[in-house]
Amino acid sequence: VGICEQHAVTLSAGMATQGLKVYCTIYSSFM
C-alpha cells in the first residue's frame, strides 16, 4: 500500500470486518 502504515492498519481492519484474515506485516519501529 506504499509508505502508509496508518492506512495499512485501518485497511486491514476494514477487511477483517468482512470476514477476511489479514496478515499485516510491518517493521516494529514503523508500527
ModelCIF file with pLDDT and N, C-alpha, C, O atoms, coordinates in Angstrom:
data_MODEL
#
_entry.id   MODEL 
#
_entity.id                         1 
_entity.type                       polymer 
_entity.pdbx_number_of_molecules   1 
#
_entity_poly.entity_id                      1 
_entity_poly.type                           'polypeptide(L)' 
_entity_poly.nstd_linkage                   no 
_entity_poly.nstd_monomer                   no 
_entity_poly.pdbx_seq_one_letter_code       VGICEQHAVTLSAGMATQGLKVYCTIYSSFM 
_entity_poly.pdbx_seq_one_letter_code_can   VGICEQHAVTLSAGMATQGLKVYCTIYSSFM 
_entity_poly.pdbx_strand_id                 A 
#
loop_
_entity_poly_seq.entity_id 
_entity_poly_seq.num 
_entity_poly_seq.mon_id 
_entity_poly_seq.hetero 
1 1  VAL n 
1 2  GLY n 
1 3  ILE n 
1 4  CYS n 
1 5  GLU n 
1 6  GLN n 
1 7  HIS n 
1 8  ALA n 
1 9  VAL n 
1 10 THR n 
1 11 LEU n 
1 12 SER n 
1 13 ALA n 
1 14 GLY n 
1 15 MET n 
1 16 ALA n 
1 17 THR n 
1 18 GLN n 
1 19 GLY n 
1 20 LEU n 
1 21 LYS n 
1 22 VAL n 
1 23 TYR n 
1 24 CYS n 
1 25 THR n 
1 26 ILE n 
1 27 TYR n 
1 28 SER n 
1 29 SER n 
1 30 PHE n 
1 31 MET n 
#
_struct_asym.id          A 
_struct_asym.entity_id   1 
#
loop_
_ma_qa_metric.id 
_ma_qa_metric.mode 
_ma_qa_metric.name 
_ma_qa_metric.software_group_id 
_ma_qa_metric.type 
1 global pLDDT . pLDDT 
2 local  pLDDT . pLDDT 
#
_ma_qa_metric_global.metric_id      1 
_ma_qa_metric_global.metric_value   96.13 
_ma_qa_metric_global.model_id       1 
_ma_qa_metric_global.ordinal_id     1 
#
loop_
_ma_qa_metric_local.label_asym_id 
_ma_qa_metric_local.label_comp_id 
_ma_qa_metric_local.label_seq_id 
_ma_qa_metric_local.metric_id 
_ma_qa_metric_local.metric_value 
_ma_qa_metric_local.model_id 
_ma_qa_metric_local.ordinal_id 
A VAL 1  2 92.00 1 1  
A GLY 2  2 89.00 1 2  
A ILE 3  2 89.00 1 3  
A CYS 4  2 92.00 1 4  
A GLU 5  2 95.00 1 5  
A GLN 6  2 95.00 1 6  
A HIS 7  2 95.00 1 7  
A ALA 8  2 96.00 1 8  
A VAL 9  2 97.00 1 9  
A THR 10 2 97.00 1 10 
A LEU 11 2 97.00 1 11 
A SER 12 2 98.00 1 12 
A ALA 13 2 98.00 1 13 
A GLY 14 2 97.00 1 14 
A MET 15 2 98.00 1 15 
A ALA 16 2 98.00 1 16 
A THR 17 2 97.00 1 17 
A GLN 18 2 97.00 1 18 
A GLY 19 2 97.00 1 19 
A LEU 20 2 98.00 1 20 
A LYS 21 2 98.00 1 21 
A VAL 22 2 98.00 1 22 
A TYR 23 2 98.00 1 23 
A CYS 24 2 98.00 1 24 
A THR 25 2 97.00 1 25 
A ILE 26 2 97.00 1 26 
A TYR 27 2 97.00 1 27 
A SER 28 2 97.00 1 28 
A SER 29 2 96.00 1 29 
A PHE 30 2 95.00 1 30 
A MET 31 2 97.00 1 31 
#
loop_
_atom_site.group_PDB 
_atom_site.id 
_atom_site.type_symbol 
_atom_site.label_atom_id 
_atom_site.label_alt_id 
_atom_site.label_comp_id 
_atom_site.label_asym_id 
_atom_site.label_entity_id 
_atom_site.label_seq_id 
_atom_site.pdbx_PDB_ins_code 
_atom_site.Cartn_x 
_atom_site.Cartn_y 
_atom_site.Cartn_z 
_atom_site.occupancy 
_atom_site.B_iso_or_equiv 
_atom_site.pdbx_formal_charge 
_atom_site.auth_seq_id 
_atom_site.auth_comp_id 
_atom_site.auth_asym_id 
_atom_site.auth_atom_id 
_atom_site.pdbx_PDB_model_num 
ATOM 1   N N  . VAL A 1 1  ? 0.810   -1.221  0.000  1.00 92.00 ? 1  VAL A N  1 
ATOM 2   C CA . VAL A 1 1  ? 0.000   0.000   0.000  1.00 92.00 ? 1  VAL A CA 1 
ATOM 3   C C  . VAL A 1 1  ? 0.842   1.269   0.000  1.00 92.00 ? 1  VAL A C  1 
ATOM 4   O O  . VAL A 1 1  ? 0.303   2.361   0.179  1.00 92.00 ? 1  VAL A O  1 
ATOM 5   N N  . GLY A 1 2  ? 2.175   1.144   -0.201 1.00 89.00 ? 2  GLY A N  1 
ATOM 6   C CA . GLY A 1 2  ? 3.036   2.316   -0.142 1.00 89.00 ? 2  GLY A CA 1 
ATOM 7   C C  . GLY A 1 2  ? 3.418   2.632   1.296  1.00 89.00 ? 2  GLY A C  1 
ATOM 8   O O  . GLY A 1 2  ? 3.025   1.934   2.231  1.00 89.00 ? 2  GLY A O  1 
ATOM 9   N N  . ILE A 1 3  ? 4.195   3.706   1.450  1.00 89.00 ? 3  ILE A N  1 
ATOM 10  C CA . ILE A 1 3  ? 4.707   4.041   2.788  1.00 89.00 ? 3  ILE A CA 1 
ATOM 11  C C  . ILE A 1 3  ? 3.588   4.693   3.599  1.00 89.00 ? 3  ILE A C  1 
ATOM 12  O O  . ILE A 1 3  ? 3.585   5.902   3.834  1.00 89.00 ? 3  ILE A O  1 
ATOM 13  N N  . CYS A 1 4  ? 2.661   3.873   4.009  1.00 92.00 ? 4  CYS A N  1 
ATOM 14  C CA . CYS A 1 4  ? 1.421   4.355   4.641  1.00 92.00 ? 4  CYS A CA 1 
ATOM 15  C C  . CYS A 1 4  ? 1.004   3.386   5.740  1.00 92.00 ? 4  CYS A C  1 
ATOM 16  O O  . CYS A 1 4  ? 0.039   2.636   5.591  1.00 92.00 ? 4  CYS A O  1 
ATOM 17  N N  . GLU A 1 5  ? 1.744   3.410   6.845  1.00 95.00 ? 5  GLU A N  1 
ATOM 18  C CA . GLU A 1 5  ? 1.463   2.455   7.911  1.00 95.00 ? 5  GLU A CA 1 
ATOM 19  C C  . GLU A 1 5  ? 0.066   2.623   8.496  1.00 95.00 ? 5  GLU A C  1 
ATOM 20  O O  . GLU A 1 5  ? -0.614  1.636   8.777  1.00 95.00 ? 5  GLU A O  1 
ATOM 21  N N  . GLN A 1 6  ? -0.359  3.854   8.677  1.00 95.00 ? 6  GLN A N  1 
ATOM 22  C CA . GLN A 1 6  ? -1.686  4.091   9.241  1.00 95.00 ? 6  GLN A CA 1 
ATOM 23  C C  . GLN A 1 6  ? -2.764  3.489   8.332  1.00 95.00 ? 6  GLN A C  1 
ATOM 24  O O  . GLN A 1 6  ? -3.681  2.811   8.796  1.00 95.00 ? 6  GLN A O  1 
ATOM 25  N N  . HIS A 1 7  ? -2.633  3.750   7.051  1.00 95.00 ? 7  HIS A N  1 
ATOM 26  C CA . HIS A 1 7  ? -3.592  3.206   6.081  1.00 95.00 ? 7  HIS A CA 1 
ATOM 27  C C  . HIS A 1 7  ? -3.554  1.683   6.096  1.00 95.00 ? 7  HIS A C  1 
ATOM 28  O O  . HIS A 1 7  ? -4.599  1.034   6.039  1.00 95.00 ? 7  HIS A O  1 
ATOM 29  N N  . ALA A 1 8  ? -2.346  1.106   6.172  1.00 96.00 ? 8  ALA A N  1 
ATOM 30  C CA . ALA A 1 8  ? -2.226  -0.356  6.160  1.00 96.00 ? 8  ALA A CA 1 
ATOM 31  C C  . ALA A 1 8  ? -3.016  -0.983  7.299  1.00 96.00 ? 8  ALA A C  1 
ATOM 32  O O  . ALA A 1 8  ? -3.683  -1.999  7.105  1.00 96.00 ? 8  ALA A O  1 
ATOM 33  N N  . VAL A 1 9  ? -2.946  -0.387  8.486  1.00 97.00 ? 9  VAL A N  1 
ATOM 34  C CA . VAL A 1 9  ? -3.626  -0.953  9.655  1.00 97.00 ? 9  VAL A CA 1 
ATOM 35  C C  . VAL A 1 9  ? -5.141  -0.810  9.532  1.00 97.00 ? 9  VAL A C  1 
ATOM 36  O O  . VAL A 1 9  ? -5.872  -1.766  9.789  1.00 97.00 ? 9  VAL A O  1 
ATOM 37  N N  . THR A 1 10 ? -5.620  0.374   9.143  1.00 97.00 ? 10 THR A N  1 
ATOM 38  C CA . THR A 1 10 ? -7.071  0.556   9.045  1.00 97.00 ? 10 THR A CA 1 
ATOM 39  C C  . THR A 1 10 ? -7.644  -0.196  7.844  1.00 97.00 ? 10 THR A C  1 
ATOM 40  O O  . THR A 1 10 ? -8.776  -0.677  7.903  1.00 97.00 ? 10 THR A O  1 
ATOM 41  N N  . LEU A 1 11 ? -6.889  -0.301  6.774  1.00 97.00 ? 11 LEU A N  1 
ATOM 42  C CA . LEU A 1 11 ? -7.294  -1.137  5.640  1.00 97.00 ? 11 LEU A CA 1 
ATOM 43  C C  . LEU A 1 11 ? -7.474  -2.581  6.095  1.00 97.00 ? 11 LEU A C  1 
ATOM 44  O O  . LEU A 1 11 ? -8.449  -3.239  5.732  1.00 97.00 ? 11 LEU A O  1 
ATOM 45  N N  . SER A 1 12 ? -6.536  -3.061  6.883  1.00 98.00 ? 12 SER A N  1 
ATOM 46  C CA . SER A 1 12 ? -6.629  -4.417  7.425  1.00 98.00 ? 12 SER A CA 1 
ATOM 47  C C  . SER A 1 12 ? -7.880  -4.571  8.285  1.00 98.00 ? 12 SER A C  1 
ATOM 48  O O  . SER A 1 12 ? -8.576  -5.584  8.222  1.00 98.00 ? 12 SER A O  1 
ATOM 49  N N  . ALA A 1 13 ? -8.149  -3.541  9.088  1.00 98.00 ? 13 ALA A N  1 
ATOM 50  C CA . ALA A 1 13 ? -9.337  -3.591  9.950  1.00 98.00 ? 13 ALA A CA 1 
ATOM 51  C C  . ALA A 1 13 ? -10.606 -3.660  9.109  1.00 98.00 ? 13 ALA A C  1 
ATOM 52  O O  . ALA A 1 13 ? -11.519 -4.424  9.422  1.00 98.00 ? 13 ALA A O  1 
ATOM 53  N N  . GLY A 1 14 ? -10.669 -2.866  8.045  1.00 97.00 ? 14 GLY A N  1 
ATOM 54  C CA . GLY A 1 14 ? -11.847 -2.900  7.171  1.00 97.00 ? 14 GLY A CA 1 
ATOM 55  C C  . GLY A 1 14 ? -12.053 -4.263  6.557  1.00 97.00 ? 14 GLY A C  1 
ATOM 56  O O  . GLY A 1 14 ? -13.179 -4.758  6.494  1.00 97.00 ? 14 GLY A O  1 
ATOM 57  N N  . MET A 1 15 ? -10.967 -4.879  6.102  1.00 98.00 ? 15 MET A N  1 
ATOM 58  C CA . MET A 1 15 ? -11.077 -6.227  5.533  1.00 98.00 ? 15 MET A CA 1 
ATOM 59  C C  . MET A 1 15 ? -11.533 -7.235  6.581  1.00 98.00 ? 15 MET A C  1 
ATOM 60  O O  . MET A 1 15 ? -12.315 -8.140  6.289  1.00 98.00 ? 15 MET A O  1 
ATOM 61  N N  . ALA A 1 16 ? -11.038 -7.068  7.807  1.00 98.00 ? 16 ALA A N  1 
ATOM 62  C CA . ALA A 1 16 ? -11.392 -8.009  8.873  1.00 98.00 ? 16 ALA A CA 1 
ATOM 63  C C  . ALA A 1 16 ? -12.882 -7.962  9.194  1.00 98.00 ? 16 ALA A C  1 
ATOM 64  O O  . ALA A 1 16 ? -13.461 -8.975  9.586  1.00 98.00 ? 16 ALA A O  1 
ATOM 65  N N  . THR A 1 17 ? -13.510 -6.793  9.032  1.00 97.00 ? 17 THR A N  1 
ATOM 66  C CA . THR A 1 17 ? -14.954 -6.709  9.294  1.00 97.00 ? 17 THR A CA 1 
ATOM 67  C C  . THR A 1 17 ? -15.760 -7.552  8.310  1.00 97.00 ? 17 THR A C  1 
ATOM 68  O O  . THR A 1 17 ? -16.917 -7.883  8.566  1.00 97.00 ? 17 THR A O  1 
ATOM 69  N N  . GLN A 1 18 ? -15.137 -7.896  7.184  1.00 97.00 ? 18 GLN A N  1 
ATOM 70  C CA . GLN A 1 18 ? -15.823 -8.680  6.161  1.00 97.00 ? 18 GLN A CA 1 
ATOM 71  C C  . GLN A 1 18 ? -15.433 -10.161 6.199  1.00 97.00 ? 18 GLN A C  1 
ATOM 72  O O  . GLN A 1 18 ? -15.681 -10.908 5.253  1.00 97.00 ? 18 GLN A O  1 
ATOM 73  N N  . GLY A 1 19 ? -14.822 -10.563 7.302  1.00 97.00 ? 19 GLY A N  1 
ATOM 74  C CA . GLY A 1 19 ? -14.531 -11.976 7.495  1.00 97.00 ? 19 GLY A CA 1 
ATOM 75  C C  . GLY A 1 19 ? -13.196 -12.443 6.948  1.00 97.00 ? 19 GLY A C  1 
ATOM 76  O O  . GLY A 1 19 ? -12.910 -13.640 6.974  1.00 97.00 ? 19 GLY A O  1 
ATOM 77  N N  . LEU A 1 20 ? -12.364 -11.524 6.449  1.00 98.00 ? 20 LEU A N  1 
ATOM 78  C CA . LEU A 1 20 ? -11.051 -11.922 5.947  1.00 98.00 ? 20 LEU A CA 1 
ATOM 79  C C  . LEU A 1 20 ? -10.051 -11.980 7.093  1.00 98.00 ? 20 LEU A C  1 
ATOM 80  O O  . LEU A 1 20 ? -10.194 -11.275 8.092  1.00 98.00 ? 20 LEU A O  1 
ATOM 81  N N  . LYS A 1 21 ? -9.048  -12.818 6.941  1.00 98.00 ? 21 LYS A N  1 
ATOM 82  C CA . LYS A 1 21 ? -7.987  -12.955 7.936  1.00 98.00 ? 21 LYS A CA 1 
ATOM 83  C C  . LYS A 1 21 ? -6.745  -12.280 7.353  1.00 98.00 ? 21 LYS A C  1 
ATOM 84  O O  . LYS A 1 21 ? -6.044  -12.848 6.516  1.00 98.00 ? 21 LYS A O  1 
ATOM 85  N N  . VAL A 1 22 ? -6.489  -11.052 7.817  1.00 98.00 ? 22 VAL A N  1 
ATOM 86  C CA . VAL A 1 22 ? -5.423  -10.225 7.247  1.00 98.00 ? 22 VAL A CA 1 
ATOM 87  C C  . VAL A 1 22 ? -4.153  -10.368 8.077  1.00 98.00 ? 22 VAL A C  1 
ATOM 88  O O  . VAL A 1 22 ? -4.162  -10.207 9.298  1.00 98.00 ? 22 VAL A O  1 
ATOM 89  N N  . TYR A 1 23 ? -3.051  -10.677 7.376  1.00 98.00 ? 23 TYR A N  1 
ATOM 90  C CA . TYR A 1 23 ? -1.719  -10.657 7.976  1.00 98.00 ? 23 TYR A CA 1 
ATOM 91  C C  . TYR A 1 23 ? -1.064  -9.354  7.536  1.00 98.00 ? 23 TYR A C  1 
ATOM 92  O O  . TYR A 1 23 ? -0.663  -9.208  6.382  1.00 98.00 ? 23 TYR A O  1 
ATOM 93  N N  . CYS A 1 24 ? -0.960  -8.415  8.463  1.00 98.00 ? 24 CYS A N  1 
ATOM 94  C CA . CYS A 1 24 ? -0.380  -7.106  8.176  1.00 98.00 ? 24 CYS A CA 1 
ATOM 95  C C  . CYS A 1 24 ? 1.056   -7.114  8.686  1.00 98.00 ? 24 CYS A C  1 
ATOM 96  O O  . CYS A 1 24 ? 1.286   -7.133  9.896  1.00 98.00 ? 24 CYS A O  1 
ATOM 97  N N  . THR A 1 25 ? 2.021   -7.101  7.773  1.00 97.00 ? 25 THR A N  1 
ATOM 98  C CA . THR A 1 25 ? 3.415   -7.193  8.183  1.00 97.00 ? 25 THR A CA 1 
ATOM 99  C C  . THR A 1 25 ? 4.076   -5.825  8.113  1.00 97.00 ? 25 THR A C  1 
ATOM 100 O O  . THR A 1 25 ? 4.125   -5.198  7.055  1.00 97.00 ? 25 THR A O  1 
ATOM 101 N N  . ILE A 1 26 ? 4.578   -5.376  9.243  1.00 97.00 ? 26 ILE A N  1 
ATOM 102 C CA . ILE A 1 26 ? 5.169   -4.050  9.401  1.00 97.00 ? 26 ILE A CA 1 
ATOM 103 C C  . ILE A 1 26 ? 6.415   -4.185  10.274 1.00 97.00 ? 26 ILE A C  1 
ATOM 104 O O  . ILE A 1 26 ? 6.429   -4.966  11.226 1.00 97.00 ? 26 ILE A O  1 
ATOM 105 N N  . TYR A 1 27 ? 7.452   -3.429  9.951  1.00 97.00 ? 27 TYR A N  1 
ATOM 106 C CA . TYR A 1 27 ? 8.604   -3.397  10.843 1.00 97.00 ? 27 TYR A CA 1 
ATOM 107 C C  . TYR A 1 27 ? 8.178   -2.842  12.200 1.00 97.00 ? 27 TYR A C  1 
ATOM 108 O O  . TYR A 1 27 ? 7.329   -1.954  12.277 1.00 97.00 ? 27 TYR A O  1 
ATOM 109 N N  . SER A 1 28 ? 8.767   -3.366  13.257 1.00 97.00 ? 28 SER A N  1 
ATOM 110 C CA . SER A 1 28 ? 8.378   -2.969  14.606 1.00 97.00 ? 28 SER A CA 1 
ATOM 111 C C  . SER A 1 28 ? 8.456   -1.462  14.804 1.00 97.00 ? 28 SER A C  1 
ATOM 112 O O  . SER A 1 28 ? 7.526   -0.859  15.339 1.00 97.00 ? 28 SER A O  1 
ATOM 113 N N  . SER A 1 29 ? 9.566   -0.842  14.374 1.00 96.00 ? 29 SER A N  1 
ATOM 114 C CA . SER A 1 29 ? 9.700   0.603   14.597 1.00 96.00 ? 29 SER A CA 1 
ATOM 115 C C  . SER A 1 29 ? 8.731   1.396   13.738 1.00 96.00 ? 29 SER A C  1 
ATOM 116 O O  . SER A 1 29 ? 8.360   2.508   14.112 1.00 96.00 ? 29 SER A O  1 
ATOM 117 N N  . PHE A 1 30 ? 8.304   0.860   12.592 1.00 95.00 ? 30 PHE A N  1 
ATOM 118 C CA . PHE A 1 30 ? 7.336   1.558   11.749 1.00 95.00 ? 30 PHE A CA 1 
ATOM 119 C C  . PHE A 1 30 ? 5.916   1.423   12.299 1.00 95.00 ? 30 PHE A C  1 
ATOM 120 O O  . PHE A 1 30 ? 5.057   2.263   12.032 1.00 95.00 ? 30 PHE A O  1 
ATOM 121 N N  . MET A 1 31 ? 5.680   0.365   13.066 1.00 97.00 ? 31 MET A N  1 
ATOM 122 C CA . MET A 1 31 ? 4.359   0.179   13.669 1.00 97.00 ? 31 MET A CA 1 
ATOM 123 C C  . MET A 1 31 ? 4.037   1.313   14.635 1.00 97.00 ? 31 MET A C  1 
ATOM 124 O O  . MET A 1 31 ? 2.964   1.324   15.238 1.00 97.00 ? 31 MET A O  1 
#
